[in-house]
Protein backbone atom coordinates (compact mmCIF):
# COMPACT_ATOMS: atom_id res chain seq x y z
CA MET A 1 62.04 58.77 75.42
CA GLN A 2 58.99 56.77 76.39
CA GLN A 3 55.59 58.13 75.46
CA THR A 4 54.31 57.75 79.04
CA GLU A 5 57.13 59.98 80.37
CA PHE A 6 56.40 62.54 77.67
CA PHE A 7 52.68 62.71 78.44
CA LYS A 8 53.28 62.79 82.21
CA CYS A 9 55.53 65.77 81.65
CA LEU A 10 52.84 67.52 79.60
CA SER A 11 50.18 66.83 82.22
CA ASP A 12 51.44 69.68 84.43
CA GLN A 13 49.98 73.08 83.49
CA THR A 14 53.20 74.99 84.20
CA ARG A 15 55.29 72.70 82.00
CA LEU A 16 52.65 72.83 79.30
CA ASP A 17 52.69 76.63 79.42
CA LEU A 18 56.49 76.67 79.28
CA LEU A 19 56.41 74.52 76.16
CA LYS A 20 53.75 76.69 74.55
CA ILE A 21 55.92 79.75 75.10
CA VAL A 22 58.99 78.07 73.63
CA LEU A 23 56.95 76.83 70.67
CA GLN A 24 55.77 80.36 69.96
CA LYS A 25 59.02 82.24 70.58
CA GLN A 26 61.52 79.49 69.56
CA LYS A 27 64.22 80.58 72.04
CA VAL A 28 63.34 81.82 75.52
CA CYS A 29 65.32 82.98 78.55
CA VAL A 30 64.27 82.07 82.11
CA CYS A 31 63.62 85.74 82.87
CA GLU A 32 61.04 85.80 80.08
CA PHE A 33 59.27 82.77 81.54
CA THR A 34 59.00 84.50 84.91
CA GLU A 35 57.44 87.54 83.23
CA TYR A 36 54.97 85.60 81.10
CA LEU A 37 53.84 83.19 83.81
CA ASN A 38 54.26 85.41 86.86
CA LEU A 39 56.01 82.59 88.73
CA SER A 40 59.24 82.51 90.71
CA GLN A 41 62.50 81.68 88.98
CA PRO A 42 63.17 78.61 91.20
CA LYS A 43 59.76 77.13 90.37
CA ILE A 44 60.25 77.70 86.65
CA SER A 45 63.79 76.30 86.79
CA ARG A 46 62.54 73.14 88.48
CA HIS A 47 60.01 72.56 85.69
CA LEU A 48 62.57 73.41 83.00
CA ALA A 49 64.95 70.85 84.50
CA LEU A 50 62.34 68.12 84.05
CA LEU A 51 61.76 69.12 80.44
CA ARG A 52 65.51 69.26 79.84
CA ASN A 53 66.15 65.87 81.52
CA LEU A 54 63.59 64.24 79.21
CA SER A 55 65.32 65.91 76.23
CA ILE A 56 62.19 67.84 75.32
CA LEU A 57 64.01 71.14 75.75
CA LEU A 58 67.59 72.04 75.01
CA ASP A 59 69.36 74.67 77.06
CA GLN A 60 72.08 76.94 75.75
CA ARG A 61 74.13 79.30 77.87
CA GLN A 62 74.97 82.73 76.47
CA GLY A 63 76.98 84.68 79.01
CA GLN A 64 75.06 84.66 82.27
CA TRP A 65 71.73 83.81 80.59
CA VAL A 66 70.33 80.39 79.74
CA TYR A 67 68.02 80.09 76.75
CA TYR A 68 65.67 77.20 76.07
CA SER A 69 64.46 75.79 72.77
CA ILE A 70 62.80 72.59 71.58
CA HIS A 71 65.35 69.79 71.42
CA PRO A 72 66.23 69.16 67.76
CA ASP A 73 66.45 65.38 68.33
CA LEU A 74 62.91 65.12 69.67
CA PRO A 75 61.11 62.16 68.06
CA VAL A 76 58.78 63.01 65.18
CA TRP A 77 55.71 61.80 67.10
CA ALA A 78 56.56 64.17 69.98
CA LYS A 79 57.11 67.11 67.59
CA ASP A 80 53.72 66.37 66.03
CA ILE A 81 52.03 66.46 69.43
CA LEU A 82 53.76 69.70 70.37
CA LYS A 83 52.64 71.23 67.08
CA ILE A 84 49.03 70.40 67.95
CA VAL A 85 49.52 71.75 71.48
CA SER A 86 50.97 75.01 70.16
CA GLU A 87 47.87 75.61 68.05
CA HIS A 88 45.65 75.51 71.13
CA ARG A 89 47.00 78.05 73.60
CA SER A 90 44.96 78.73 76.68
CA ASP A 91 43.17 82.07 76.70
CA SER A 92 44.94 83.29 79.84
CA LEU A 93 48.39 82.50 78.46
CA SER A 94 47.52 84.15 75.14
CA VAL A 95 46.44 87.35 76.89
CA GLN A 96 49.58 87.41 79.05
CA MET A 97 51.89 86.86 76.09
CA ASP A 98 50.09 89.44 73.96
CA CYS A 99 50.38 92.01 76.75
CA MET A 100 54.02 91.17 77.38
CA SER A 101 55.00 91.26 73.70
CA SER A 102 55.14 95.03 73.89
CA ILE A 103 57.44 94.90 76.92
CA SER A 104 61.10 94.35 76.26
CA VAL A 105 62.76 91.90 78.63
CA HIS A 106 66.51 92.44 78.55
CA CYS A 107 68.44 89.23 79.09
CA GLU A 108 71.48 90.18 77.07
């Protein structure tokens, strides 16, 4: 992965928010993303496809659900950047995730 592709991918707010959610929760289903970000499933899936195609995220199917996690083979420099990013969540995303943490999303 080239650094320019990585940073271009992070330059979109939706993709950045998706990564922040995965970094916090470790393994996330598409239905959870739609709840946290209040966006349509097709829009989220389009952004997830870009992250998956760059090998930033890894997808894993469990029954009818697809879960996303950080790709284990991500270069160390990219993991370091994502660690820094995860420490600086936006206020609006923090509030949404805190509110949603009490709501159970059933993807299983």
